[in-house]
Protein backbone atom coordinates (compact mmCIF):
# COMPACT_ATOMS: atom_id res chain seq x y z
CA MET A 1 -47.23 -53.88 -37.15
CA GLN A 2 -47.82 -55.20 -33.60
CA THR A 3 -50.31 -58.15 -33.14
CA ASN A 4 -49.49 -59.01 -29.45
CA VAL A 5 -52.10 -56.62 -27.96
CA ASP A 6 -55.55 -56.06 -29.52
CA ASN A 7 -58.05 -53.37 -29.66
CA THR A 8 -55.50 -50.31 -29.90
CA ARG A 9 -57.41 -47.09 -29.08
CA VAL A 10 -55.06 -44.09 -28.80
CA ILE A 11 -51.47 -44.00 -30.21
CA GLN A 12 -48.86 -41.42 -29.40
CA GLN A 13 -45.21 -41.15 -30.21
CA LEU A 14 -43.29 -39.64 -27.15
CA GLY A 15 -39.63 -39.19 -27.69
CA VAL A 16 -38.42 -42.04 -29.52
CA ASN A 17 -41.03 -44.53 -28.15
CA LEU A 18 -44.42 -45.48 -29.55
CA TYR A 19 -47.16 -45.65 -26.76
CA PHE A 20 -50.73 -46.81 -27.11
CA SER A 21 -53.71 -47.53 -24.92
CA THR A 22 -56.06 -50.52 -24.97
CA SER A 23 -58.95 -52.15 -22.87
CA SER A 24 -58.54 -55.49 -24.50
CA GLY A 25 -56.60 -58.45 -22.69
CA THR A 26 -54.53 -56.64 -20.10
CA PRO A 27 -56.05 -53.03 -20.07
CA GLY A 28 -53.45 -50.24 -20.01
CA VAL A 29 -50.98 -48.08 -21.75
CA TRP A 30 -48.31 -49.99 -23.63
CA ARG A 31 -44.98 -48.99 -25.10
CA LEU A 32 -42.90 -50.11 -28.17
CA GLY A 33 -39.32 -49.13 -27.95
CA GLY A 34 -38.13 -46.93 -30.80
CA THR A 35 -40.24 -45.99 -33.59
CA PRO A 36 -40.94 -49.07 -35.53
CA THR A 37 -41.42 -49.12 -39.11
CA VAL A 38 -41.26 -53.17 -39.55
CA SER A 39 -42.46 -56.01 -37.30
CA HIS A 40 -41.33 -55.36 -33.91
CA SER A 41 -40.60 -57.04 -30.51
CA ALA A 42 -43.58 -57.56 -28.15
CA PRO A 43 -44.69 -53.96 -26.28
CA SER A 44 -44.34 -53.63 -22.69
CA LEU A 45 -47.12 -52.55 -20.34
CA VAL A 46 -46.41 -49.11 -18.95
CA LEU A 47 -49.61 -48.16 -17.01
CA ALA A 48 -51.74 -50.85 -15.72
CA PRO A 49 -55.16 -49.79 -14.22
CA GLY A 50 -56.53 -53.40 -13.68
CA THR A 51 -58.87 -55.70 -15.23
CA ASN A 52 -61.78 -53.34 -14.97
CA GLY A 53 -60.04 -50.44 -16.56
CA SER A 54 -61.05 -49.06 -20.00
CA PRO A 55 -58.27 -46.52 -20.79
CA PHE A 56 -58.55 -44.12 -23.93
CA GLY A 57 -56.66 -40.90 -24.22
CA PHE A 58 -53.28 -40.41 -21.98
CA ALA A 59 -50.71 -37.74 -21.50
CA PHE A 60 -47.18 -37.98 -20.17
CA SER A 61 -45.21 -34.93 -18.72
CA PRO A 62 -42.34 -33.67 -20.67
CA ASP A 63 -39.66 -35.32 -18.20
CA LEU A 64 -41.97 -38.73 -18.14
CA THR A 65 -42.48 -38.57 -14.31
CA ALA A 66 -46.26 -38.05 -14.35
CA ALA A 67 -49.19 -39.25 -16.54
CA TYR A 68 -52.82 -38.89 -16.79
CA VAL A 69 -55.02 -41.53 -18.51
CA ALA A 70 -58.51 -41.10 -19.53
CA ASP A 71 -60.84 -44.16 -18.58
CA ASP A 72 -64.50 -44.33 -19.81
CA THR A 73 -65.90 -46.56 -17.11
CA LEU A 74 -68.57 -44.73 -15.34
CA ALA A 75 -67.38 -45.47 -11.80
CA GLY A 76 -64.49 -46.40 -9.54
CA HIS A 77 -61.25 -45.43 -11.66
CA GLY A 78 -63.30 -44.16 -14.49
CA GLY A 79 -62.67 -40.35 -15.51
CA VAL A 80 -59.11 -39.20 -15.31
CA GLN A 81 -56.41 -40.91 -13.36
CA ARG A 82 -53.16 -39.29 -12.33
CA TRP A 83 -50.11 -41.69 -12.15
CA ASP A 84 -46.64 -40.66 -10.79
CA LEU A 85 -43.07 -42.53 -11.41
CA SER A 86 -41.22 -43.26 -8.26
CA GLY A 87 -38.27 -45.31 -7.62
CA GLY A 88 -38.49 -46.57 -11.37
CA ASN A 89 -42.26 -47.72 -10.94
CA TRP A 90 -45.36 -46.22 -11.99
CA ALA A 91 -48.01 -45.88 -9.31
CA LEU A 92 -51.71 -44.69 -9.35
CA SER A 93 -51.85 -41.41 -7.25
CA TYR A 94 -55.49 -40.56 -7.58
CA VAL A 95 -58.71 -40.11 -9.65
CA PHE A 96 -60.35 -36.82 -10.04
CA ASN A 97 -63.57 -37.01 -8.10
CA GLY A 98 -65.56 -34.70 -10.32
CA LEU A 99 -65.19 -37.31 -13.31
CA THR A 100 -65.50 -40.61 -11.77
CA ASN A 101 -69.09 -41.06 -12.67
CA ALA A 102 -68.96 -39.59 -16.03
CA GLY A 103 -65.92 -41.40 -17.66
CA VAL A 104 -63.72 -39.82 -20.05
CA ARG A 105 -62.33 -40.53 -23.73
CA GLY A 106 -60.40 -37.67 -25.15
CA LEU A 107 -57.40 -36.06 -23.06
CA ALA A 108 -55.09 -33.18 -23.60
CA VAL A 109 -52.87 -31.86 -20.90
CA ASP A 110 -50.91 -28.54 -20.76
CA PHE A 111 -47.92 -28.79 -18.55
CA SER A 112 -46.41 -25.58 -19.12
CA GLY A 113 -47.66 -23.73 -15.82
CA THR A 114 -46.98 -24.34 -12.13
CA ARG A 115 -50.07 -27.07 -12.32
CA PRO A 116 -51.02 -29.15 -15.12
CA VAL A 117 -54.20 -28.14 -16.85
CA LEU A 118 -56.30 -30.82 -18.30
CA TYR A 119 -59.00 -30.78 -21.09
CA ALA A 120 -61.30 -33.92 -21.56
CA THR A 121 -64.16 -35.11 -23.26
CA THR A 122 -66.53 -37.04 -21.09
CA ALA A 123 -68.15 -40.44 -21.97
CA GLU A 124 -72.00 -39.84 -21.42
CA SER A 125 -73.89 -41.41 -24.27
CA THR A 126 -75.86 -38.22 -24.88
CA THR A 127 -74.85 -34.54 -24.58
CA ASN A 128 -71.55 -35.15 -23.36
CA ARG A 129 -69.08 -32.38 -22.51
CA LEU A 130 -65.75 -30.72 -23.10
CA VAL A 131 -64.35 -30.03 -19.64
CA ALA A 132 -61.14 -28.50 -17.98
CA LEU A 133 -59.73 -28.73 -14.56
CA VAL A 134 -56.37 -27.50 -12.85
CA ASP A 135 -54.71 -30.30 -11.23
CA ALA A 136 -54.74 -29.55 -7.31
CA GLY A 137 -55.44 -33.00 -6.26
CA PRO A 138 -58.34 -35.37 -6.47
CA ALA A 139 -60.77 -32.96 -5.43
CA SER A 140 -59.95 -30.24 -8.17
CA PRO A 141 -63.13 -28.51 -9.58
CA VAL A 142 -64.21 -29.59 -13.11
CA ILE A 143 -65.33 -26.82 -15.30
CA THR A 144 -67.66 -27.50 -18.36
CA LEU A 145 -66.65 -25.36 -21.26
CA VAL A 146 -69.35 -26.68 -23.71
CA THR A 147 -72.05 -29.36 -23.86
CA ALA A 148 -72.66 -31.22 -26.93
CA GLY A 149 -75.96 -30.71 -28.99
CA PRO A 150 -78.58 -32.98 -30.03
CA ASN A 151 -77.11 -35.90 -32.10
CA GLN A 152 -73.74 -34.77 -31.36
CA LEU A 153 -71.07 -36.17 -29.15
CA TYR A 154 -67.45 -35.00 -28.52
CA ARG A 155 -64.74 -37.52 -28.62
CA GLY A 156 -60.76 -36.45 -29.10
CA VAL A 157 -59.25 -33.21 -27.87
CA ALA A 158 -56.11 -31.79 -29.11
CA PHE A 159 -53.99 -28.58 -28.81
CA THR A 160 -53.36 -26.37 -31.93
CA PRO A 161 -49.80 -24.77 -32.25
CA ASP A 162 -50.89 -21.26 -31.32
CA ALA A 163 -49.05 -19.46 -28.60
CA ASP A 164 -51.68 -16.65 -28.11
CA ILE A 165 -55.15 -18.12 -28.17
CA ALA A 166 -57.90 -15.56 -28.71
CA PRO A 167 -60.38 -15.70 -25.84
CA HIS A 168 -63.73 -17.07 -26.73
CA ILE A 169 -66.81 -16.19 -24.69
CA PHE A 170 -68.98 -19.20 -24.45
CA ASN A 171 -71.21 -18.07 -21.71
CA ALA A 172 -73.36 -14.87 -21.07
CA ALA A 173 -76.24 -14.82 -18.73
CA PRO A 174 -77.78 -12.72 -15.92
CA ALA A 175 -76.56 -12.99 -12.45
CA THR A 176 -78.07 -12.24 -9.16
CA ASN A 177 -75.75 -9.15 -8.98
CA GLY A 178 -75.37 -8.16 -12.72
CA PHE A 179 -74.42 -9.94 -15.81
CA ARG A 180 -71.94 -12.63 -15.76
CA LEU A 181 -69.49 -13.38 -18.82
CA SER A 182 -67.07 -16.47 -18.96
CA TRP A 183 -64.40 -17.01 -21.51
CA THR A 184 -61.57 -19.28 -22.37
CA ALA A 185 -58.23 -18.19 -21.02
CA LEU A 186 -54.58 -18.64 -20.83
CA ILE A 187 -53.49 -18.98 -17.11
CA GLY A 188 -51.40 -16.13 -15.61
CA ARG A 189 -52.40 -13.71 -18.59
CA THR A 190 -54.13 -10.44 -18.23
CA TYR A 191 -57.73 -9.87 -19.79
CA THR A 192 -59.64 -6.91 -20.28
CA LEU A 193 -63.62 -6.93 -20.37
CA GLU A 194 -65.16 -3.75 -22.18
CA TRP A 195 -68.67 -2.77 -23.21
CA ALA A 196 -70.37 -0.35 -25.69
CA ASP A 197 -73.84 0.36 -26.26
CA ASN A 198 -73.77 0.27 -30.07
CA LEU A 199 -71.42 -1.22 -32.68
CA THR A 200 -71.63 1.47 -35.43
CA SER A 201 -69.43 4.05 -33.67
CA PRO A 202 -68.44 2.17 -30.48
CA ASN A 203 -67.10 3.97 -27.31
CA TRP A 204 -65.70 0.84 -25.52
CA LEU A 205 -65.58 1.45 -21.76
CA PRO A 206 -63.81 -0.94 -19.30
CA VAL A 207 -65.82 -3.50 -16.88
CA THR A 208 -62.78 -5.05 -15.49
CA ASN A 209 -59.02 -6.07 -15.90
CA LEU A 210 -58.12 -9.42 -14.42
CA VAL A 211 -55.15 -12.01 -14.27
CA THR A 212 -56.59 -15.48 -14.78
CA ILE A 213 -55.73 -18.52 -12.55
CA GLY A 214 -57.37 -21.12 -14.53
CA PRO A 215 -58.43 -22.03 -18.11
CA VAL A 216 -61.66 -20.26 -17.74
CA ALA A 217 -62.22 -16.60 -16.71
CA TYR A 218 -65.45 -14.84 -15.68
CA ALA A 219 -66.45 -11.41 -14.71
CA ILE A 220 -69.67 -9.98 -13.70
CA ASP A 221 -70.89 -6.56 -15.08
CA THR A 222 -72.66 -5.05 -12.02
CA ALA A 223 -74.33 -2.30 -13.63
CA PRO A 224 -75.66 -3.55 -16.94
CA ALA A 225 -77.98 -1.12 -18.74
CA SER A 226 -81.54 -1.79 -19.48
CA ALA A 227 -80.92 -1.14 -23.37
CA ALA A 228 -78.62 -3.49 -25.55
CA ARG A 229 -75.08 -3.55 -24.43
CA PHE A 230 -72.16 -5.40 -26.41
CA TYR A 231 -69.17 -6.76 -24.76
CA ARG A 232 -65.65 -7.63 -25.98
CA VAL A 233 -62.53 -9.51 -24.24
CA SER A 234 -58.90 -8.70 -25.17
CA LEU A 235 -55.81 -10.59 -24.14
CA SER A 236 -52.99 -8.10 -23.21
CA PRO A 237 -49.51 -8.56 -25.03
């Protein structure tokens, strides 16, 4: 047990080291060398957002040259910060504009693609959100995946060990030029949207095929029927 830094929030083991975040004393992400099982030497500060920082979740790239930190303050450096290692020192590169006034607590990052894909839970006191963004710089668009219901709040977020995640339609609503459907997606994969007019003996007909460029895909059925219409989304092998 370490007692040098109070108010531990999130703990992760990365490689052979143990990392944790705190907002007490000197806020930041700290590291304990090795994987301690008994009393250990004092931790070292790795990412230091400053005295007004309030870090929660964090994620390091596999090569430990980039990092993201969730901060639940509602302005300034709140939201999600990107840090980069240069010359042996960590420096704050930018904060995502779309989250600085919402704050973030839970954070998970997919580093497998060309650009990191971030998933985060915002820090609003009511009806907070699970959001996603592809890191293309501080102005990266923030996509709301789902909003918490009454008397509910989202906190942490984590990946499951599933290589082929089934698409989940989370929004379906009329649009100016048809009917718009949105679903969760794996970047760079092909999805097929189909429709049928009944589920007893369905004859599935294609609406579109598309290759996704972000964690959310959407398509518009420009000719929806006036009667009931059913949709399904499939992920190509």
